[in-house]
């Protein structure tokens, strides 16, 4: 498959909130130089802080790919997006998407792309056949982010840890398991699109045996406590065979995302169950910290909240985008005698 061409025009459509545009936000935050601007539809309730462009303007500025930056519930492509995508093809752009509805399954898109010689990239289609997991021990270090809920900062946490490790001279690789991470990293496994029998095996392939000083920093997905997504979370835990886990949490949530009747689990519940499930394949798996998305906390409450968590659970507690992740690395050094 050809490589997705840069720079991108980030399509946020009619996204109702920032969570719905997390793909665009992630690419903006971690690959800002690759972003020409944003393309919005009527009714869009958010702004990325990038210049709003029409398709024609984006093409004239040199955008090579219209990247679908929305991650909506169910991963669908609604009918009211179609004309914008056709306009992008006719303006000389390719289209890239990580949604469950595949671009190539929409006849009008696929026929137009073929006629114009344009590319449609569906990154949520696994690009290889994966084996059934075997649970055999692998060399190298692996760290996995897990969550109290979905969309709580697992990708940001692992990207921040990898970046800090590299700044400090560690041998580390971010391993993407979702659409946004794949757009950022350029490779990975779209794990929620892998057939369930092969989820753990796909992560074993993604994170193979490596040198003793190497760290795979694995993007987590979902939550063991989320009725909609627990299956992929468990497959990741077993496939990662992680030495260390980082628990990710958003403290202002009133319920599990998308499920108003489903209450959030407690921190201790999450620590205990994730550790227990991880130790099925990695007997020494342990938590090395708690990562908290504190963007909705007042500045004067943030420090107290993180300090209270740290005292209660005996783990470094950070916000990767505000306080940084250095305490996590200090903890890893201590645990590994590095």
Protein backbone atom coordinates (compact mmCIF):
# COMPACT_ATOMS: atom_id res chain seq x y z
CA UNK A 1 0.00 0.00 0.00
CA UNK A 2 1.26 3.45 -0.85
CA UNK A 3 2.24 5.79 1.95
CA UNK A 4 -0.27 8.41 3.11
CA UNK A 5 0.88 11.72 1.70
CA UNK A 6 1.45 14.84 3.81
CA UNK A 7 0.48 17.54 4.63
CA UNK A 8 -3.06 16.92 5.84
CA UNK A 9 -6.28 18.88 5.85
CA UNK A 10 -8.01 17.74 9.05
CA UNK A 11 -11.71 17.08 8.47
CA UNK A 12 -13.76 17.50 11.66
CA UNK A 13 -17.14 17.52 9.93
CA UNK A 14 -20.00 18.26 12.31
CA UNK A 15 -18.27 16.96 15.44
CA UNK A 16 -20.41 17.75 18.52
CA UNK A 17 -17.54 17.90 21.03
CA UNK A 18 -13.78 17.63 21.41
CA UNK A 19 -13.90 13.93 22.27
CA UNK A 20 -15.55 13.23 18.91
CA UNK A 21 -12.61 14.93 17.15
CA UNK A 22 -9.88 13.17 19.13
CA UNK A 23 -8.21 11.84 15.97
CA UNK A 24 -7.76 15.34 14.54
CA UNK A 25 -6.68 16.69 17.93
CA UNK A 26 -4.09 13.95 18.36
CA UNK A 27 -2.55 14.57 14.93
CA UNK A 28 -2.59 18.33 15.54
CA UNK A 29 -0.86 17.96 18.92
CA UNK A 30 1.79 15.40 17.95
CA UNK A 31 2.40 16.21 14.25
CA UNK A 32 1.54 19.93 13.95
CA UNK A 33 3.89 20.49 11.01
CA UNK A 34 1.87 18.02 8.96
CA UNK A 35 -1.41 19.97 9.31
CA UNK A 36 -2.48 22.62 6.76
CA UNK A 37 -5.77 23.51 8.48
CA UNK A 38 -9.22 22.26 9.44
CA UNK A 39 -12.28 21.57 7.29
CA UNK A 40 -15.63 21.93 9.06
CA UNK A 41 -19.29 21.42 8.19
CA UNK A 42 -22.29 23.42 9.33
CA UNK A 43 -23.14 22.50 12.91
CA UNK A 44 -19.60 21.69 13.97
CA UNK A 45 -19.35 22.60 17.65
CA UNK A 46 -15.57 22.65 18.03
CA UNK A 47 -12.48 24.40 16.77
CA UNK A 48 -8.95 22.96 16.62
CA UNK A 49 -7.30 26.37 16.67
CA UNK A 50 -6.21 25.84 13.07
CA UNK A 51 -7.25 27.94 10.11
CA UNK A 52 -10.66 26.90 8.74
CA UNK A 53 -10.40 26.17 5.03
CA UNK A 54 -12.66 25.10 2.23
CA UNK A 55 -11.59 22.05 0.25
CA UNK A 56 -10.49 24.33 -2.58
CA UNK A 57 -8.42 26.48 -0.21
CA UNK A 58 -6.83 23.43 1.40
CA UNK A 59 -5.87 22.02 -1.98
CA UNK A 60 -4.42 25.38 -3.06
CA UNK A 61 -2.34 25.45 0.14
CA UNK A 62 -0.83 22.11 -0.80
CA UNK A 63 -2.85 19.62 1.25
CA UNK A 64 -2.24 16.14 -0.13
CA UNK A 65 -4.69 14.17 2.02
CA UNK A 66 -8.04 14.89 3.63
CA UNK A 67 -7.70 13.09 6.94
CA UNK A 68 -10.96 12.14 8.61
CA UNK A 69 -10.35 13.46 12.11
CA UNK A 70 -13.62 12.37 13.72
CA UNK A 71 -13.90 9.25 15.90
CA UNK A 72 -17.65 8.93 16.39
CA UNK A 73 -19.52 6.19 18.19
CA UNK A 74 -19.67 3.18 15.89
CA UNK A 75 -17.12 4.63 13.48
CA UNK A 76 -19.68 5.49 10.78
CA UNK A 77 -19.41 7.83 7.79
CA UNK A 78 -22.71 9.75 7.58
CA UNK A 79 -24.24 10.74 4.26
CA UNK A 80 -23.72 14.46 4.86
CA UNK A 81 -19.93 14.00 4.69
CA UNK A 82 -19.95 12.49 1.22
CA UNK A 83 -19.95 15.66 -0.88
CA UNK A 84 -16.96 17.10 1.00
CA UNK A 85 -15.01 13.90 0.40
CA UNK A 86 -15.92 13.88 -3.30
CA UNK A 87 -14.81 17.51 -3.52
CA UNK A 88 -11.48 16.54 -1.96
CA UNK A 89 -10.92 13.81 -4.55
CA UNK A 90 -11.84 16.18 -7.37
CA UNK A 91 -9.44 18.80 -5.96
CA UNK A 92 -6.52 16.37 -6.16
CA UNK A 93 -6.44 15.06 -2.60
CA UNK A 94 -6.38 11.51 -1.30
CA UNK A 95 -8.56 10.58 1.70
CA UNK A 96 -7.46 8.72 4.84
CA UNK A 97 -9.81 7.35 7.48
CA UNK A 98 -9.67 5.12 10.51
CA UNK A 99 -13.42 4.66 10.89
CA UNK A 100 -15.18 1.30 10.87
CA UNK A 101 -17.12 2.30 7.75
CA UNK A 102 -14.50 1.81 5.08
CA UNK A 103 -14.01 4.46 2.43
CA UNK A 104 -13.64 1.77 -0.20
CA UNK A 105 -17.06 0.35 0.68
CA UNK A 106 -18.79 3.55 -0.50
CA UNK A 107 -19.30 3.02 -4.22
CA UNK A 108 -19.39 6.67 -5.22
CA UNK A 109 -16.12 7.35 -3.39
CA UNK A 110 -14.29 4.29 -4.67
CA UNK A 111 -15.39 4.81 -8.29
CA UNK A 112 -14.44 8.51 -8.21
CA UNK A 113 -11.05 7.74 -6.68
CA UNK A 114 -10.37 5.08 -9.31
CA UNK A 115 -11.37 7.42 -12.14
CA UNK A 116 -9.14 10.22 -10.84
CA UNK A 117 -6.20 8.03 -9.77
CA UNK A 118 -6.61 9.05 -6.13
CA UNK A 119 -5.99 6.86 -3.07
CA UNK A 120 -8.45 5.90 -0.31
CA UNK A 121 -6.64 4.79 2.84
CA UNK A 122 -8.62 2.71 5.35
CA UNK A 123 -6.14 2.36 8.22
CA UNK A 124 -8.60 0.35 10.31
CA UNK A 125 -8.25 -2.61 7.97
CA UNK A 126 -5.56 -4.96 9.33
CA UNK A 127 -2.81 -5.26 6.72
CA UNK A 128 -1.78 -8.82 7.59
CA UNK A 129 -3.03 -12.08 9.04
CA UNK A 130 -2.23 -12.44 12.73
CA UNK A 131 -1.57 -15.62 14.69
CA UNK A 132 -3.34 -16.86 17.78
CA UNK A 133 -1.38 -15.70 20.84
CA UNK A 134 0.95 -18.18 22.51
CA UNK A 135 1.81 -16.30 25.72
CA UNK A 136 5.51 -17.19 25.47
CA UNK A 137 7.91 -14.93 27.34
CA UNK A 138 9.64 -12.28 25.22
CA UNK A 139 12.81 -10.31 25.84
CA UNK A 140 12.85 -6.53 26.17
CA UNK A 141 10.63 -4.30 28.29
CA UNK A 142 6.97 -3.51 27.61
CA UNK A 143 4.76 -0.86 29.18
CA UNK A 144 1.01 -0.68 28.52
CA UNK A 145 -1.50 2.07 29.29
CA UNK A 146 -4.86 0.93 30.66
CA UNK A 147 -7.88 3.04 31.63
CA UNK A 148 -10.77 3.57 33.97
CA UNK A 149 -12.76 4.45 30.82
CA UNK A 150 -12.18 4.95 27.10
CA UNK A 151 -10.85 8.31 25.85
CA UNK A 152 -9.06 9.21 29.07
CA UNK A 153 -5.55 9.83 27.71
CA UNK A 154 -3.92 6.46 27.06
CA UNK A 155 -2.45 7.53 23.72
CA UNK A 156 -1.20 10.88 25.01
CA UNK A 157 0.34 9.20 28.03
CA UNK A 158 2.26 6.63 26.00
CA UNK A 159 3.39 9.17 23.40
CA UNK A 160 4.62 11.45 26.19
CA UNK A 161 6.47 8.58 27.90
CA UNK A 162 8.14 7.57 24.63
CA UNK A 163 9.13 11.18 23.91
CA UNK A 164 10.63 11.65 27.39
CA UNK A 165 12.46 8.33 27.20
CA UNK A 166 14.02 9.36 23.90
CA UNK A 167 14.99 12.76 25.34
CA UNK A 168 16.80 10.91 28.11
CA UNK A 169 18.52 8.52 25.72
CA UNK A 170 16.40 5.43 26.35
CA UNK A 171 15.78 2.92 23.57
CA UNK A 172 12.00 3.21 23.17
CA UNK A 173 9.30 2.74 20.52
CA UNK A 174 5.67 3.88 20.64
CA UNK A 175 3.41 1.04 19.49
CA UNK A 176 0.13 2.33 18.03
CA UNK A 177 -3.05 0.29 18.42
CA UNK A 178 -5.69 2.78 17.23
CA UNK A 179 -6.43 4.96 14.24
CA UNK A 180 -4.96 8.19 15.62
CA UNK A 181 -1.82 6.51 16.88
CA UNK A 182 -1.31 4.88 13.49
CA UNK A 183 -1.69 8.26 11.75
CA UNK A 184 0.89 9.73 14.14
CA UNK A 185 3.38 6.85 14.16
CA UNK A 186 2.92 5.72 10.58
CA UNK A 187 2.47 2.08 11.59
CA UNK A 188 0.66 -0.09 14.13
CA UNK A 189 -2.23 -2.51 14.60
CA UNK A 190 -5.87 -1.33 14.36
CA UNK A 191 -6.61 -3.67 17.24
CA UNK A 192 -10.35 -3.08 17.53
CA UNK A 193 -10.74 -4.25 13.92
CA UNK A 194 -8.83 -7.49 14.47
CA UNK A 195 -10.95 -10.66 14.77
CA UNK A 196 -11.30 -11.38 18.48
CA UNK A 197 -9.41 -14.69 18.43
CA UNK A 198 -6.34 -12.88 17.10
CA UNK A 199 -6.27 -9.66 19.18
CA UNK A 200 -3.66 -10.89 21.64
CA UNK A 201 -1.64 -12.44 18.82
CA UNK A 202 -1.60 -9.17 16.89
CA UNK A 203 -0.06 -7.43 19.89
CA UNK A 204 2.54 -10.16 20.28
CA UNK A 205 3.48 -9.47 16.63
CA UNK A 206 3.50 -5.70 17.25
CA UNK A 207 5.78 -6.06 20.28
CA UNK A 208 8.18 -8.94 19.55
CA UNK A 209 11.26 -9.98 21.47
CA UNK A 210 13.81 -7.19 21.49
CA UNK A 211 17.11 -6.17 23.03
CA UNK A 212 17.27 -6.12 26.81
CA UNK A 213 17.42 -2.31 26.89
CA UNK A 214 14.48 -1.75 24.55
CA UNK A 215 11.08 -0.46 25.70
CA UNK A 216 7.87 -0.94 23.78
CA UNK A 217 5.44 1.75 24.92
CA UNK A 218 2.03 0.37 23.99
CA UNK A 219 -1.05 2.50 23.39
CA UNK A 220 -4.03 1.13 25.31
CA UNK A 221 -7.66 0.90 24.20
CA UNK A 222 -10.96 0.97 26.05
CA UNK A 223 -11.33 -0.25 29.63
CA UNK A 224 -11.93 -3.59 31.28
CA UNK A 225 -14.93 -1.92 32.93
CA UNK A 226 -16.57 -0.56 29.76
CA UNK A 227 -19.29 -2.94 28.55
CA UNK A 228 -18.76 -1.87 24.94
CA UNK A 229 -14.98 -2.21 24.72
CA UNK A 230 -13.72 -4.54 27.46
CA UNK A 231 -12.94 -7.31 24.97
CA UNK A 232 -10.26 -5.37 23.13
CA UNK A 233 -8.81 -4.16 26.46
CA UNK A 234 -8.36 -7.72 27.70
CA UNK A 235 -6.84 -8.88 24.42
CA UNK A 236 -4.33 -6.03 24.66
CA UNK A 237 -3.43 -6.93 28.23
CA UNK A 238 -2.73 -10.53 27.32
CA UNK A 239 -0.91 -9.79 24.08
CA UNK A 240 1.26 -7.03 25.53
CA UNK A 241 2.68 -9.23 28.29
CA UNK A 242 3.61 -5.95 29.90
CA UNK A 243 6.20 -5.62 32.64
CA UNK A 244 4.59 -2.34 33.69
CA UNK A 245 1.16 -0.75 33.49
CA UNK A 246 0.09 2.88 33.69
CA UNK A 247 -3.49 3.58 34.77
CA UNK A 248 -5.12 6.49 32.93
CA UNK A 249 -8.04 8.40 34.42
CA UNK A 250 -10.25 11.44 33.82
CA UNK A 251 -11.57 12.61 37.22
CA UNK A 252 -14.59 14.67 36.12
CA UNK A 253 -16.45 11.88 34.31
CA UNK A 254 -19.91 11.17 35.72
CA UNK A 255 -20.34 7.85 33.88
CA UNK A 256 -18.66 5.61 31.32
CA UNK A 257 -18.39 7.36 27.97
CA UNK A 258 -21.57 6.86 25.93
CA UNK A 259 -23.32 4.91 28.70
CA UNK A 260 -25.15 7.27 31.11
CA UNK A 261 -26.42 4.36 33.23
CA UNK A 262 -22.97 2.79 33.68
CA UNK A 263 -21.05 4.19 36.64
CA UNK A 264 -17.30 4.61 36.64
CA UNK A 265 -15.17 2.08 38.50
CA UNK A 266 -12.94 3.09 41.38
CA UNK A 267 -9.20 3.56 41.02
CA UNK A 268 -8.41 0.63 43.30
CA UNK A 269 -10.82 -1.62 41.37
CA UNK A 270 -9.00 -0.78 38.16
CA UNK A 271 -5.56 -1.31 39.63
CA UNK A 272 -6.53 -4.69 41.05
CA UNK A 273 -8.37 -6.12 38.04
CA UNK A 274 -5.90 -4.92 35.41
CA UNK A 275 -2.98 -6.27 37.44
CA UNK A 276 -4.74 -9.60 37.89
CA UNK A 277 -5.49 -9.94 34.18
CA UNK A 278 -1.99 -8.85 33.14
CA UNK A 279 -0.41 -11.39 35.45
CA UNK A 280 -2.17 -14.22 33.61
CA UNK A 281 0.65 -13.96 31.04
CA UNK A 282 3.22 -11.84 32.88
CA UNK A 283 3.44 -12.89 36.50
CA UNK A 284 5.50 -9.90 37.60
CA UNK A 285 3.37 -7.25 35.88
CA UNK A 286 2.96 -4.19 38.12
CA UNK A 287 1.77 -0.59 38.02
CA UNK A 288 4.39 2.13 37.66
CA UNK A 289 2.10 5.15 37.90
CA UNK A 290 -1.24 6.85 37.39
CA UNK A 291 -1.75 9.32 34.54
CA UNK A 292 -4.58 11.80 35.03
CA UNK A 293 -6.18 13.98 32.38
CA UNK A 294 -6.71 17.08 34.51
CA UNK A 295 -7.73 19.51 31.75
CA UNK A 296 -11.16 20.03 33.36
CA UNK A 297 -9.79 20.68 36.86
CA UNK A 298 -9.06 24.19 38.09
CA UNK A 299 -5.37 24.97 38.40
CA UNK A 300 -5.61 25.26 42.19
CA UNK A 301 -7.18 21.79 42.45
CA UNK A 302 -4.83 19.93 40.12
CA UNK A 303 -1.81 19.68 42.39
CA UNK A 304 -3.87 18.66 45.41
CA UNK A 305 -5.70 16.01 43.41
CA UNK A 306 -2.49 14.46 42.07
CA UNK A 307 -0.83 14.59 45.48
CA UNK A 308 -3.83 12.94 47.15
CA UNK A 309 -3.80 10.13 44.59
CA UNK A 310 -0.07 9.64 45.03
CA UNK A 311 -0.36 9.40 48.80
CA UNK A 312 -3.34 7.05 48.59
CA UNK A 313 -1.91 4.57 46.09
CA UNK A 314 1.84 4.93 46.54
CA UNK A 315 2.44 5.56 42.84
CA UNK A 316 3.68 8.60 40.92
CA UNK A 317 0.65 10.54 39.68
CA UNK A 318 1.08 12.92 36.75
CA UNK A 319 -0.70 14.74 33.96
CA UNK A 320 1.44 14.01 30.89
CA UNK A 321 0.58 17.28 29.16
CA UNK A 322 0.94 19.57 32.19
CA UNK A 323 3.31 18.10 34.76
CA UNK A 324 5.20 15.83 32.37
CA UNK A 325 6.07 12.17 32.84
CA UNK A 326 9.56 12.29 34.39
CA UNK A 327 8.34 10.79 37.69
CA UNK A 328 7.20 7.71 35.75
CA UNK A 329 10.70 7.23 34.35
CA UNK A 330 12.21 7.65 37.81
CA UNK A 331 9.87 4.92 39.06
CA UNK A 332 10.80 2.63 36.17
CA UNK A 333 14.50 3.17 36.84
CA UNK A 334 13.98 2.28 40.50
CA UNK A 335 11.92 -0.82 39.74
CA UNK A 336 14.35 -2.07 37.08
CA UNK A 337 17.54 -1.00 38.88
CA UNK A 338 18.59 0.93 35.77
